[in-house]
Amino acid sequence: QLASQVEQAKLQVNKDTPVFTTIRPVTIPFEKSAPKRSLIVIVFAFLGLVLSSGFVLVKEPAKEILKSIRS
């Protein structure tokens, strides 16, 4: 009977013990750390410009090359 009481006490202690502990209090940052949205927009706009320009410049010569290969 004493062993069961000890076991019950251990279970109660485990039940009352919090699952996590707070290391330091929560603080709200003053400025965003990431992602830098303006940089992402500029990079992808530049990539879009480069890729679309490349497509336009390569499209016609590629058609001509394919025509000459098929003939």
PDB file of N, CA and C in Angstrom:
ATOM      1  N   GLN A   1       0.827  -1.186   0.000  1.00  0.00           N
ATOM      2  CA  GLN A   1       0.000   0.000   0.000  1.00  0.00           C
ATOM      3  C   GLN A   1       0.877   1.257   0.000  1.00  0.00           C
ATOM      4  N   LEU A   2       1.957   1.220   0.718  1.00  0.00           N
ATOM      5  CA  LEU A   2       2.861   2.357   0.760  1.00  0.00           C
ATOM      6  C   LEU A   2       3.484   2.596  -0.613  1.00  0.00           C
ATOM      7  N   ALA A   3       3.804   1.530  -1.314  1.00  0.00           N
ATOM      8  CA  ALA A   3       4.388   1.647  -2.656  1.00  0.00           C
ATOM      9  C   ALA A   3       3.399   2.293  -3.618  1.00  0.00           C
ATOM     10  N   SER A   4       2.126   1.940  -3.504  1.00  0.00           N
ATOM     11  CA  SER A   4       1.126   2.539  -4.393  1.00  0.00           C
ATOM     12  C   SER A   4       0.938   4.021  -4.080  1.00  0.00           C
ATOM     13  N   GLN A   5       1.032   4.394  -2.801  1.00  0.00           N
ATOM     14  CA  GLN A   5       0.929   5.806  -2.440  1.00  0.00           C
ATOM     15  C   GLN A   5       2.122   6.595  -2.991  1.00  0.00           C
ATOM     16  N   VAL A   6       3.311   6.000  -2.921  1.00  0.00           N
ATOM     17  CA  VAL A   6       4.502   6.653  -3.463  1.00  0.00           C
ATOM     18  C   VAL A   6       4.339   6.824  -4.969  1.00  0.00           C
ATOM     19  N   GLU A   7       3.843   5.777  -5.613  1.00  0.00           N
ATOM     20  CA  GLU A   7       3.620   5.838  -7.066  1.00  0.00           C
ATOM     21  C   GLU A   7       2.594   6.913  -7.406  1.00  0.00           C
ATOM     22  N   GLN A   8       1.525   7.005  -6.621  1.00  0.00           N
ATOM     23  CA  GLN A   8       0.503   8.034  -6.835  1.00  0.00           C
ATOM     24  C   GLN A   8       1.100   9.432  -6.641  1.00  0.00           C
ATOM     25  N   ALA A   9       1.964   9.585  -5.653  1.00  0.00           N
ATOM     26  CA  ALA A   9       2.595  10.883  -5.397  1.00  0.00           C
ATOM     27  C   ALA A   9       3.505  11.265  -6.565  1.00  0.00           C
ATOM     28  N   LYS A  10       4.259  10.292  -7.098  1.00  0.00           N
ATOM     29  CA  LYS A  10       5.119  10.566  -8.252  1.00  0.00           C
ATOM     30  C   LYS A  10       4.290  10.980  -9.458  1.00  0.00           C
ATOM     31  N   LEU A  11       3.178  10.284  -9.676  1.00  0.00           N
ATOM     32  CA  LEU A  11       2.306  10.628 -10.800  1.00  0.00           C
ATOM     33  C   LEU A  11       1.742  12.038 -10.637  1.00  0.00           C
ATOM     34  N   GLN A  12       1.379  12.391  -9.412  1.00  0.00           N
ATOM     35  CA  GLN A  12       0.826  13.719  -9.153  1.00  0.00           C
ATOM     36  C   GLN A  12       1.882  14.797  -9.396  1.00  0.00           C
ATOM     37  N   VAL A  13       3.120  14.542  -8.980  1.00  0.00           N
ATOM     38  CA  VAL A  13       4.204  15.505  -9.201  1.00  0.00           C
ATOM     39  C   VAL A  13       4.439  15.676 -10.694  1.00  0.00           C
ATOM     40  N   ASN A  14       4.470  14.568 -11.436  1.00  0.00           N
ATOM     41  CA  ASN A  14       4.654  14.651 -12.888  1.00  0.00           C
ATOM     42  C   ASN A  14       3.499  15.390 -13.550  1.00  0.00           C
ATOM     43  N   LYS A  15       2.313  15.200 -13.030  1.00  0.00           N
ATOM     44  CA  LYS A  15       1.133  15.857 -13.588  1.00  0.00           C
ATOM     45  C   LYS A  15       1.183  17.371 -13.343  1.00  0.00           C
ATOM     46  N   ASP A  16       1.680  17.778 -12.187  1.00  0.00           N
ATOM     47  CA  ASP A  16       1.724  19.197 -11.834  1.00  0.00           C
ATOM     48  C   ASP A  16       2.933  19.924 -12.417  1.00  0.00           C
ATOM     49  N   THR A  17       3.949  19.184 -12.841  1.00  0.00           N
ATOM     50  CA  THR A  17       5.151  19.803 -13.403  1.00  0.00           C
ATOM     51  C   THR A  17       4.846  20.318 -14.803  1.00  0.00           C
ATOM     52  N   PRO A  18       5.207  21.567 -15.113  1.00  0.00           N
ATOM     53  CA  PRO A  18       4.933  22.088 -16.459  1.00  0.00           C
ATOM     54  C   PRO A  18       5.765  21.358 -17.516  1.00  0.00           C
ATOM     55  N   VAL A  19       5.218  21.294 -18.727  1.00  0.00           N
ATOM     56  CA  VAL A  19       5.879  20.587 -19.816  1.00  0.00           C
ATOM     57  C   VAL A  19       7.083  21.379 -20.314  1.00  0.00           C
ATOM     58  N   PHE A  20       7.000  22.697 -20.285  1.00  0.00           N
ATOM     59  CA  PHE A  20       8.101  23.535 -20.752  1.00  0.00           C
ATOM     60  C   PHE A  20       8.374  24.626 -19.725  1.00  0.00           C
ATOM     61  N   THR A  21       9.548  25.191 -19.817  1.00  0.00           N
ATOM     62  CA  THR A  21       9.900  26.287 -18.924  1.00  0.00           C
ATOM     63  C   THR A  21      10.285  27.503 -19.760  1.00  0.00           C
ATOM     64  N   THR A  22      10.025  28.678 -19.229  1.00  0.00           N
ATOM     65  CA  THR A  22      10.354  29.920 -19.924  1.00  0.00           C
ATOM     66  C   THR A  22      11.813  30.256 -19.655  1.00  0.00           C
ATOM     67  N   ILE A  23      12.599  30.375 -20.729  1.00  0.00           N
ATOM     68  CA  ILE A  23      14.018  30.695 -20.581  1.00  0.00           C
ATOM     69  C   ILE A  23      14.194  32.190 -20.365  1.00  0.00           C
ATOM     70  N   ARG A  24      13.538  32.983 -21.210  1.00  0.00           N
ATOM     71  CA  ARG A  24      13.567  34.438 -21.055  1.00  0.00           C
ATOM     72  C   ARG A  24      12.222  34.980 -21.533  1.00  0.00           C
ATOM     73  N   PRO A  25      11.830  36.129 -21.057  1.00  0.00           N
ATOM     74  CA  PRO A  25      10.517  36.663 -21.443  1.00  0.00           C
ATOM     75  C   PRO A  25      10.452  37.019 -22.932  1.00  0.00           C
ATOM     76  N   VAL A  26       9.262  36.982 -23.459  1.00  0.00           N
ATOM     77  CA  VAL A  26       9.030  37.276 -24.871  1.00  0.00           C
ATOM     78  C   VAL A  26       9.188  38.771 -25.115  1.00  0.00           C
ATOM     79  N   THR A  27       9.904  39.121 -26.196  1.00  0.00           N
ATOM     80  CA  THR A  27      10.028  40.522 -26.597  1.00  0.00           C
ATOM     81  C   THR A  27       9.704  40.636 -28.078  1.00  0.00           C
ATOM     82  N   ILE A  28       9.117  41.747 -28.455  1.00  0.00           N
ATOM     83  CA  ILE A  28       8.764  41.989 -29.852  1.00  0.00           C
ATOM     84  C   ILE A  28       9.914  42.746 -30.508  1.00  0.00           C
ATOM     85  N   PRO A  29      10.420  42.261 -31.643  1.00  0.00           N
ATOM     86  CA  PRO A  29      11.532  42.957 -32.302  1.00  0.00           C
ATOM     87  C   PRO A  29      11.093  44.315 -32.850  1.00  0.00           C
ATOM     88  N   PHE A  30      12.034  45.247 -32.923  1.00  0.00           N
ATOM     89  CA  PHE A  30      11.730  46.581 -33.425  1.00  0.00           C
ATOM     90  C   PHE A  30      11.669  46.619 -34.944  1.00  0.00           C
ATOM     91  N   GLU A  31      12.518  45.843 -35.616  1.00  0.00           N
ATOM     92  CA  GLU A  31      12.504  45.814 -37.081  1.00  0.00           C
ATOM     93  C   GLU A  31      12.535  44.370 -37.567  1.00  0.00           C
ATOM     94  N   LYS A  32      12.023  44.176 -38.787  1.00  0.00           N
ATOM     95  CA  LYS A  32      11.999  42.837 -39.361  1.00  0.00           C
ATOM     96  C   LYS A  32      13.415  42.386 -39.675  1.00  0.00           C
ATOM     97  N   SER A  33      13.669  41.103 -39.496  1.00  0.00           N
ATOM     98  CA  SER A  33      14.996  40.598 -39.822  1.00  0.00           C
ATOM     99  C   SER A  33      15.022  40.017 -41.230  1.00  0.00           C
ATOM    100  N   ALA A  34      13.940  39.410 -41.672  1.00  0.00           N
ATOM    101  CA  ALA A  34      13.909  38.817 -43.013  1.00  0.00           C
ATOM    102  C   ALA A  34      12.470  38.480 -43.351  1.00  0.00           C
ATOM    103  N   PRO A  35      12.104  38.286 -44.534  1.00  0.00           N
ATOM    104  CA  PRO A  35      12.851  38.500 -45.770  1.00  0.00           C
ATOM    105  C   PRO A  35      12.760  39.965 -46.189  1.00  0.00           C
ATOM    106  N   LYS A  36      13.743  40.425 -46.917  1.00  0.00           N
ATOM    107  CA  LYS A  36      13.749  41.802 -47.412  1.00  0.00           C
ATOM    108  C   LYS A  36      12.940  41.825 -48.711  1.00  0.00           C
ATOM    109  N   ARG A  37      11.689  42.205 -48.571  1.00  0.00           N
ATOM    110  CA  ARG A  37      10.747  42.112 -49.684  1.00  0.00           C
ATOM    111  C   ARG A  37      11.162  42.954 -50.883  1.00  0.00           C
ATOM    112  N   SER A  38      11.660  44.162 -50.641  1.00  0.00           N
ATOM    113  CA  SER A  38      12.034  45.033 -51.762  1.00  0.00           C
ATOM    114  C   SER A  38      13.183  44.430 -52.569  1.00  0.00           C
ATOM    115  N   LEU A  39      14.153  43.825 -51.900  1.00  0.00           N
ATOM    116  CA  LEU A  39      15.268  43.187 -52.608  1.00  0.00           C
ATOM    117  C   LEU A  39      14.776  42.004 -53.439  1.00  0.00           C
ATOM    118  N   ILE A  40      13.872  41.220 -52.894  1.00  0.00           N
ATOM    119  CA  ILE A  40      13.322  40.074 -53.626  1.00  0.00           C
ATOM    120  C   ILE A  40      12.589  40.550 -54.874  1.00  0.00           C
ATOM    121  N   VAL A  41      11.785  41.600 -54.751  1.00  0.00           N
ATOM    122  CA  VAL A  41      11.041  42.124 -55.898  1.00  0.00           C
ATOM    123  C   VAL A  41      11.998  42.632 -56.970  1.00  0.00           C
ATOM    124  N   ILE A  42      13.023  43.364 -56.576  1.00  0.00           N
ATOM    125  CA  ILE A  42      13.986  43.901 -57.548  1.00  0.00           C
ATOM    126  C   ILE A  42      14.725  42.773 -58.259  1.00  0.00           C
ATOM    127  N   VAL A  43      15.173  41.771 -57.515  1.00  0.00           N
ATOM    128  CA  VAL A  43      15.912  40.652 -58.122  1.00  0.00           C
ATOM    129  C   VAL A  43      15.039  39.899 -59.111  1.00  0.00           C
ATOM    130  N   PHE A  44      13.804  39.590 -58.738  1.00  0.00           N
ATOM    131  CA  PHE A  44      12.945  38.831 -59.643  1.00  0.00           C
ATOM    132  C   PHE A  44      12.484  39.667 -60.835  1.00  0.00           C
ATOM    133  N   ALA A  45      12.324  40.974 -60.660  1.00  0.00           N
ATOM    134  CA  ALA A  45      12.001  41.832 -61.805  1.00  0.00           C
ATOM    135  C   ALA A  45      13.162  41.841 -62.787  1.00  0.00           C
ATOM    136  N   PHE A  46      14.378  41.939 -62.279  1.00  0.00           N
ATOM    137  CA  PHE A  46      15.563  41.901 -63.141  1.00  0.00           C
ATOM    138  C   PHE A  46      15.673  40.550 -63.847  1.00  0.00           C
ATOM    139  N   LEU A  47      15.461  39.464 -63.112  1.00  0.00           N
ATOM    140  CA  LEU A  47      15.496  38.131 -63.728  1.00  0.00           C
ATOM    141  C   LEU A  47      14.434  37.993 -64.810  1.00  0.00           C
ATOM    142  N   GLY A  48      13.240  38.492 -64.553  1.00  0.00           N
ATOM    143  CA  GLY A  48      12.184  38.444 -65.555  1.00  0.00           C
ATOM    144  C   GLY A  48      12.553  39.221 -66.798  1.00  0.00           C
ATOM    145  N   LEU A  49      13.146  40.387 -66.621  1.00  0.00           N
ATOM    146  CA  LEU A  49      13.580  41.203 -67.754  1.00  0.00           C
ATOM    147  C   LEU A  49      14.654  40.482 -68.564  1.00  0.00           C
ATOM    148  N   VAL A  50      15.639  39.917 -67.885  1.00  0.00           N
ATOM    149  CA  VAL A  50      16.725  39.216 -68.573  1.00  0.00           C
ATOM    150  C   VAL A  50      16.197  37.988 -69.310  1.00  0.00           C
ATOM    151  N   LEU A  51      15.381  37.187 -68.643  1.00  0.00           N
ATOM    152  CA  LEU A  51      14.871  35.966 -69.274  1.00  0.00           C
ATOM    153  C   LEU A  51      13.943  36.272 -70.445  1.00  0.00           C
ATOM    154  N   SER A  52      13.067  37.258 -70.298  1.00  0.00           N
ATOM    155  CA  SER A  52      12.168  37.585 -71.409  1.00  0.00           C
ATOM    156  C   SER A  52      12.945  38.185 -72.577  1.00  0.00           C
ATOM    157  N   SER A  53      13.953  39.004 -72.294  1.00  0.00           N
ATOM    158  CA  SER A  53      14.789  39.552 -73.373  1.00  0.00           C
ATOM    159  C   SER A  53      15.542  38.435 -74.081  1.00  0.00           C
ATOM    160  N   GLY A  54      16.072  37.510 -73.326  1.00  0.00           N
ATOM    161  CA  GLY A  54      16.763  36.367 -73.922  1.00  0.00           C
ATOM    162  C   GLY A  54      15.844  35.542 -74.787  1.00  0.00           C
ATOM    163  N   PHE A  55      14.627  35.333 -74.333  1.00  0.00           N
ATOM    164  CA  PHE A  55      13.654  34.567 -75.114  1.00  0.00           C
ATOM    165  C   PHE A  55      13.354  35.271 -76.431  1.00  0.00           C
ATOM    166  N   VAL A  56      13.132  36.576 -76.376  1.00  0.00           N
ATOM    167  CA  VAL A  56      12.822  37.343 -77.587  1.00  0.00           C
ATOM    168  C   VAL A  56      14.004  37.316 -78.555  1.00  0.00           C
ATOM    169  N   LEU A  57      15.216  37.436 -78.048  1.00  0.00           N
ATOM    170  CA  LEU A  57      16.394  37.456 -78.908  1.00  0.00           C
ATOM    171  C   LEU A  57      16.715  36.084 -79.508  1.00  0.00           C
ATOM    172  N   VAL A  58      16.360  35.016 -78.841  1.00  0.00           N
ATOM    173  CA  VAL A  58      16.704  33.668 -79.305  1.00  0.00           C
ATOM    174  C   VAL A  58      15.587  33.047 -80.139  1.00  0.00           C
ATOM    175  N   LYS A  59      14.380  33.530 -80.012  1.00  0.00           N
ATOM    176  CA  LYS A  59      13.223  32.896 -80.653  1.00  0.00           C
ATOM    177  C   LYS A  59      13.355  32.843 -82.179  1.00  0.00           C
ATOM    178  N   GLU A  60      13.590  33.959 -82.822  1.00  0.00           N
ATOM    179  CA  GLU A  60      13.661  33.993 -84.291  1.00  0.00           C
ATOM    180  C   GLU A  60      14.858  33.216 -84.844  1.00  0.00           C
ATOM    181  N   PRO A  61      16.066  33.419 -84.329  1.00  0.00           N
ATOM    182  CA  PRO A  61      17.182  32.611 -84.840  1.00  0.00           C
ATOM    183  C   PRO A  61      16.960  31.112 -84.637  1.00  0.00           C
ATOM    184  N   ALA A  62      16.325  30.727 -83.557  1.00  0.00           N
ATOM    185  CA  ALA A  62      16.054  29.306 -83.321  1.00  0.00           C
ATOM    186  C   ALA A  62      15.072  28.777 -84.360  1.00  0.00           C
ATOM    187  N   LYS A  63      14.073  29.574 -84.717  1.00  0.00           N
ATOM    188  CA  LYS A  63      13.127  29.157 -85.761  1.00  0.00           C
ATOM    189  C   LYS A  63      13.852  28.923 -87.078  1.00  0.00           C
ATOM    190  N   GLU A  64      14.739  29.849 -87.423  1.00  0.00           N
ATOM    191  CA  GLU A  64      15.490  29.736 -88.682  1.00  0.00           C
ATOM    192  C   GLU A  64      16.385  28.493 -88.677  1.00  0.00           C
ATOM    193  N   ILE A  65      17.029  28.237 -87.576  1.00  0.00           N
ATOM    194  CA  ILE A  65      17.900  27.058 -87.478  1.00  0.00           C
ATOM    195  C   ILE A  65      17.075  25.787 -87.614  1.00  0.00           C
ATOM    196  N   LEU A  66      15.923  25.738 -86.964  1.00  0.00           N
ATOM    197  CA  LEU A  66      15.067  24.551 -87.062  1.00  0.00           C
ATOM    198  C   LEU A  66      14.547  24.366 -88.488  1.00  0.00           C
ATOM    199  N   LYS A  67      14.217  25.474 -89.163  1.00  0.00           N
ATOM    200  CA  LYS A  67      13.769  25.384 -90.557  1.00  0.00           C
ATOM    201  C   LYS A  67      14.867  24.802 -91.437  1.00  0.00           C
ATOM    202  N   SER A  68      16.105  25.278 -91.239  1.00  0.00           N
ATOM    203  CA  SER A  68      17.208  24.801 -92.077  1.00  0.00           C
ATOM    204  C   SER A  68      17.535  23.336 -91.777  1.00  0.00           C
ATOM    205  N   ILE A  69      17.344  22.903 -90.562  1.00  0.00           N
ATOM    206  CA  ILE A  69      17.598  21.496 -90.224  1.00  0.00           C
ATOM    207  C   ILE A  69      16.539  20.600 -90.861  1.00  0.00           C
ATOM    208  N   ARG A  70      15.286  21.028 -90.856  1.00  0.00           N
ATOM    209  CA  ARG A  70      14.190  20.222 -91.412  1.00  0.00           C
ATOM    210  C   ARG A  70      14.255  20.127 -92.932  1.00  0.00           C
ATOM    211  N   SER A  71      14.816  21.127 -93.586  1.00  0.00           N
ATOM    212  CA  SER A  71      14.851  21.118 -95.056  1.00  0.00           C
ATOM    213  C   SER A  71      15.933  20.238 -95.608  1.00  0.00           C
TER     214      SER A  71
END
